[in-house]
């Protein structure tokens, strides 16, 4: 079967690495996620990753408590690098050739982000993990995912969610009548104020015609199902019509 997407960027929340604890890093959880990613890579799909840092640090609450916002955000960027290194190790233990690139130079632990080098890694079948956001405060890892996806010319961003199987018009945990969308346009997401990504990330995805797929990562095999076009989750693109 021919895959729907040949080059993808997977956006993981930092909390996804914490497992049931909700904070920190649970190695068994990371290893299970790495196994899912390995299976997709073995299909010849080119894969990049962006991982949030919310399991280790959140800049906005720290700033609200009185910390300088810029320093709080830089601290969060370092958290994303920690998550990237742990995921890279789990992938390498499975025999997957992996590189970590960071927007803040830290040459002892990772490569600096260089677009051309990232593209070469992908073309050679290596997984590339982008850490440290875009290297500047005030920008989320959602924006990082959209920007890096555009730069590497990814076909889609896969928003892997914990226990959430798509986009709804209301919180399904609070509203029994919440309706799930199978397909949306980027414009509909922005106009409806659906909080899939922040506004900057949504606009970047729309302007660069990058599909966004929101799906439940807790069900084994879902990443591969999305890549091969199975209708799971919610797909956001420039061309789909709401159903």
Protein backbone atom coordinates (compact mmCIF):
# COMPACT_ATOMS: atom_id res chain seq x y z
CA UNK A 1 0.00 0.00 0.00
CA UNK A 2 1.29 3.44 -0.92
CA UNK A 3 1.54 5.84 2.03
CA UNK A 4 -0.51 9.02 2.04
CA UNK A 5 2.41 10.95 3.54
CA UNK A 6 6.07 10.32 2.76
CA UNK A 7 7.67 12.94 5.02
CA UNK A 8 6.03 13.76 8.34
CA UNK A 9 6.69 15.77 11.45
CA UNK A 10 5.30 14.26 14.64
CA UNK A 11 4.46 16.73 17.39
CA UNK A 12 4.44 15.17 20.86
CA UNK A 13 3.55 16.94 24.06
CA UNK A 14 6.08 16.74 26.85
CA UNK A 15 3.37 15.22 29.05
CA UNK A 16 3.23 12.27 26.65
CA UNK A 17 6.68 11.24 27.89
CA UNK A 18 5.59 11.33 31.52
CA UNK A 19 3.22 8.38 31.31
CA UNK A 20 0.71 7.97 34.11
CA UNK A 21 2.79 10.09 36.50
CA UNK A 22 2.01 13.25 34.54
CA UNK A 23 5.36 14.85 35.26
CA UNK A 24 8.97 13.96 34.59
CA UNK A 25 10.08 11.30 32.13
CA UNK A 26 8.92 7.69 32.26
CA UNK A 27 11.46 5.66 30.32
CA UNK A 28 9.10 2.74 29.67
CA UNK A 29 6.56 5.13 28.13
CA UNK A 30 9.24 6.71 25.93
CA UNK A 31 10.45 3.29 24.82
CA UNK A 32 6.93 2.25 23.84
CA UNK A 33 6.51 5.44 21.81
CA UNK A 34 9.89 4.91 20.18
CA UNK A 35 8.79 1.42 19.11
CA UNK A 36 5.71 2.90 17.40
CA UNK A 37 7.88 5.43 15.58
CA UNK A 38 10.40 2.75 14.59
CA UNK A 39 7.67 0.72 12.88
CA UNK A 40 6.72 3.73 10.76
CA UNK A 41 10.34 4.48 9.91
CA UNK A 42 10.80 0.88 8.71
CA UNK A 43 8.10 1.59 6.09
CA UNK A 44 10.45 4.10 4.48
CA UNK A 45 8.65 7.18 5.84
CA UNK A 46 10.87 10.19 6.56
CA UNK A 47 10.25 11.36 10.12
CA UNK A 48 11.05 14.45 12.15
CA UNK A 49 9.95 15.06 15.74
CA UNK A 50 9.21 18.07 17.91
CA UNK A 51 8.60 17.36 21.59
CA UNK A 52 7.23 19.85 24.09
CA UNK A 53 8.69 20.38 27.54
CA UNK A 54 5.57 20.64 29.71
CA UNK A 55 6.44 17.48 31.66
CA UNK A 56 9.52 19.26 33.01
CA UNK A 57 8.77 22.99 32.91
CA UNK A 58 6.14 25.50 31.84
CA UNK A 59 7.28 29.03 31.14
CA UNK A 60 3.97 30.88 31.34
CA UNK A 61 3.03 29.81 34.89
CA UNK A 62 6.56 30.58 36.05
CA UNK A 63 6.32 34.03 34.50
CA UNK A 64 2.91 34.57 36.09
CA UNK A 65 4.47 33.76 39.47
CA UNK A 66 7.01 36.54 38.97
CA UNK A 67 9.86 35.01 36.97
CA UNK A 68 11.17 36.95 33.99
CA UNK A 69 9.27 35.61 30.96
CA UNK A 70 12.33 35.41 28.73
CA UNK A 71 14.30 33.38 31.27
CA UNK A 72 11.26 31.20 31.93
CA UNK A 73 10.93 30.41 28.23
CA UNK A 74 14.62 29.64 27.83
CA UNK A 75 14.34 27.24 30.75
CA UNK A 76 11.47 25.52 28.97
CA UNK A 77 13.57 25.22 25.81
CA UNK A 78 16.18 23.30 27.78
CA UNK A 79 13.43 20.95 28.93
CA UNK A 80 12.60 20.14 25.30
CA UNK A 81 16.25 19.25 24.71
CA UNK A 82 16.18 16.81 27.64
CA UNK A 83 13.10 15.15 26.16
CA UNK A 84 14.72 15.04 22.71
CA UNK A 85 17.85 13.34 24.05
CA UNK A 86 15.84 10.71 25.93
CA UNK A 87 13.71 9.93 22.86
CA UNK A 88 16.81 9.79 20.65
CA UNK A 89 18.41 7.28 23.00
CA UNK A 90 15.30 5.06 22.97
CA UNK A 91 15.21 5.15 19.15
CA UNK A 92 18.92 4.37 18.87
CA UNK A 93 18.51 1.38 21.20
CA UNK A 94 16.01 0.05 18.65
CA UNK A 95 18.58 0.48 15.89
CA UNK A 96 17.05 3.64 14.43
CA UNK A 97 19.62 6.16 13.20
CA UNK A 98 18.63 9.41 14.91
CA UNK A 99 19.95 12.97 15.16
CA UNK A 100 19.04 15.73 17.61
CA UNK A 101 19.30 19.29 16.33
CA UNK A 102 18.85 22.28 18.63
CA UNK A 103 18.02 25.91 17.92
CA UNK A 104 20.30 26.92 20.81
CA UNK A 105 23.90 25.83 20.26
CA UNK A 106 25.01 23.07 22.63
CA UNK A 107 27.53 21.20 20.54
CA UNK A 108 28.51 18.73 23.25
CA UNK A 109 25.10 17.06 23.15
CA UNK A 110 23.47 17.87 19.79
CA UNK A 111 23.96 19.32 16.34
CA UNK A 112 22.96 22.93 15.70
CA UNK A 113 19.80 23.26 13.62
CA UNK A 114 20.86 23.58 9.98
CA UNK A 115 18.09 23.08 7.45
CA UNK A 116 20.27 21.53 4.75
CA UNK A 117 21.78 19.06 7.18
CA UNK A 118 18.33 18.13 8.51
CA UNK A 119 17.13 17.44 4.97
CA UNK A 120 20.16 15.23 4.26
CA UNK A 121 19.51 13.24 7.43
CA UNK A 122 15.89 12.70 6.41
CA UNK A 123 16.84 11.66 2.89
CA UNK A 124 19.25 9.09 4.37
CA UNK A 125 16.47 7.62 6.48
CA UNK A 126 17.51 9.16 9.79
CA UNK A 127 14.97 10.50 12.25
CA UNK A 128 15.61 14.12 13.19
CA UNK A 129 14.45 15.51 16.54
CA UNK A 130 14.28 19.30 16.80
CA UNK A 131 14.94 20.66 20.29
CA UNK A 132 15.03 24.06 22.00
CA UNK A 133 12.04 25.45 20.11
CA UNK A 134 12.97 28.04 17.52
CA UNK A 135 15.60 29.48 19.84
CA UNK A 136 13.58 32.54 20.85
CA UNK A 137 11.19 33.20 23.76
CA UNK A 138 7.44 33.78 23.34
CA UNK A 139 7.07 31.02 20.73
CA UNK A 140 5.47 27.66 21.54
CA UNK A 141 6.55 24.22 20.41
CA UNK A 142 3.39 24.20 18.26
CA UNK A 143 4.89 27.09 16.32
CA UNK A 144 8.21 25.24 16.24
CA UNK A 145 6.46 22.21 14.73
CA UNK A 146 4.74 24.29 12.05
CA UNK A 147 7.90 26.22 11.20
CA UNK A 148 10.16 23.18 11.00
CA UNK A 149 7.53 21.27 9.00
CA UNK A 150 7.49 24.11 6.48
CA UNK A 151 11.27 24.29 6.36
CA UNK A 152 11.74 20.57 5.72
CA UNK A 153 8.75 20.52 3.33
CA UNK A 154 6.86 17.92 5.35
CA UNK A 155 3.61 16.58 3.92
CA UNK A 156 1.87 16.64 7.28
CA UNK A 157 2.13 17.40 10.97
CA UNK A 158 0.87 14.57 13.15
CA UNK A 159 -0.46 15.94 16.44
CA UNK A 160 -0.31 12.92 18.71
CA UNK A 161 -2.68 13.41 21.64
CA UNK A 162 -3.03 11.57 24.94
CA UNK A 163 -6.44 9.87 24.92
CA UNK A 164 -8.02 12.39 22.53
CA UNK A 165 -9.16 10.88 19.22
CA UNK A 166 -9.64 14.09 17.25
CA UNK A 167 -11.05 17.61 17.29
CA UNK A 168 -14.48 18.32 18.82
CA UNK A 169 -16.71 21.36 18.89
CA UNK A 170 -16.64 21.15 22.71
CA UNK A 171 -14.73 19.28 25.40
CA UNK A 172 -16.03 15.68 25.11
CA UNK A 173 -15.07 15.03 28.75
CA UNK A 174 -17.42 17.78 29.89
CA UNK A 175 -20.10 17.77 27.18
CA UNK A 176 -21.79 14.49 26.26
CA UNK A 177 -23.18 16.14 23.12
CA UNK A 178 -19.77 17.19 21.78
CA UNK A 179 -19.40 16.43 18.07
CA UNK A 180 -16.18 15.20 16.52
CA UNK A 181 -14.98 16.65 13.22
CA UNK A 182 -13.55 14.19 10.71
CA UNK A 183 -12.22 16.94 8.44
CA UNK A 184 -11.73 20.68 8.73
CA UNK A 185 -9.98 23.40 6.81
CA UNK A 186 -7.25 25.48 8.40
CA UNK A 187 -9.48 28.51 7.89
CA UNK A 188 -12.33 26.86 9.80
CA UNK A 189 -10.00 26.05 12.68
CA UNK A 190 -8.88 29.68 12.91
CA UNK A 191 -12.38 31.16 12.47
CA UNK A 192 -13.96 28.80 15.00
CA UNK A 193 -11.17 29.40 17.51
CA UNK A 194 -10.51 25.66 17.87
CA UNK A 195 -7.46 25.29 20.08
CA UNK A 196 -5.58 22.63 18.14
CA UNK A 197 -2.43 24.72 17.84
CA UNK A 198 -1.78 28.33 18.67
CA UNK A 199 -2.78 30.93 16.08
CA UNK A 200 0.75 31.42 14.74
CA UNK A 201 1.18 27.70 14.15
CA UNK A 202 -2.23 27.37 12.48
CA UNK A 203 -1.48 30.26 10.13
CA UNK A 204 1.93 28.83 9.23
CA UNK A 205 0.36 25.46 8.44
CA UNK A 206 -2.32 27.08 6.28
CA UNK A 207 0.10 29.35 4.40
CA UNK A 208 2.41 26.43 3.63
CA UNK A 209 -0.38 23.97 2.74
CA UNK A 210 0.63 21.42 5.37
CA UNK A 211 -1.95 18.87 6.49
CA UNK A 212 -2.51 18.52 10.23
CA UNK A 213 -3.80 15.25 11.67
CA UNK A 214 -4.99 15.10 15.28
CA UNK A 215 -5.30 11.56 16.64
CA UNK A 216 -5.05 9.39 19.73
CA UNK A 217 -1.49 8.23 20.23
CA UNK A 218 -2.43 5.82 23.03
CA UNK A 219 -3.80 3.25 20.60
CA UNK A 220 -0.94 1.11 19.22
CA UNK A 221 -0.40 1.41 15.47
CA UNK A 222 -2.21 4.72 15.05
CA UNK A 223 0.80 6.63 13.72
CA UNK A 224 1.20 4.08 10.95
CA UNK A 225 -2.54 4.13 10.23
CA UNK A 226 -2.46 7.90 9.78
CA UNK A 227 0.56 7.74 7.48
CA UNK A 228 -1.15 5.17 5.26
CA UNK A 229 -4.35 7.16 5.03
CA UNK A 230 -6.76 5.37 7.32
CA UNK A 231 -9.56 7.74 8.36
CA UNK A 232 -8.81 8.13 12.04
CA UNK A 233 -8.71 11.31 14.07
CA UNK A 234 -9.33 14.69 12.46
CA UNK A 235 -7.56 15.91 9.33
CA UNK A 236 -7.09 19.65 8.83
CA UNK A 237 -6.02 20.87 5.39
CA UNK A 238 -6.61 23.68 2.93
CA UNK A 239 -8.80 21.60 0.63
CA UNK A 240 -11.11 19.49 2.78
CA UNK A 241 -14.69 20.47 3.42
CA UNK A 242 -16.22 19.99 6.84
CA UNK A 243 -18.32 16.84 7.12
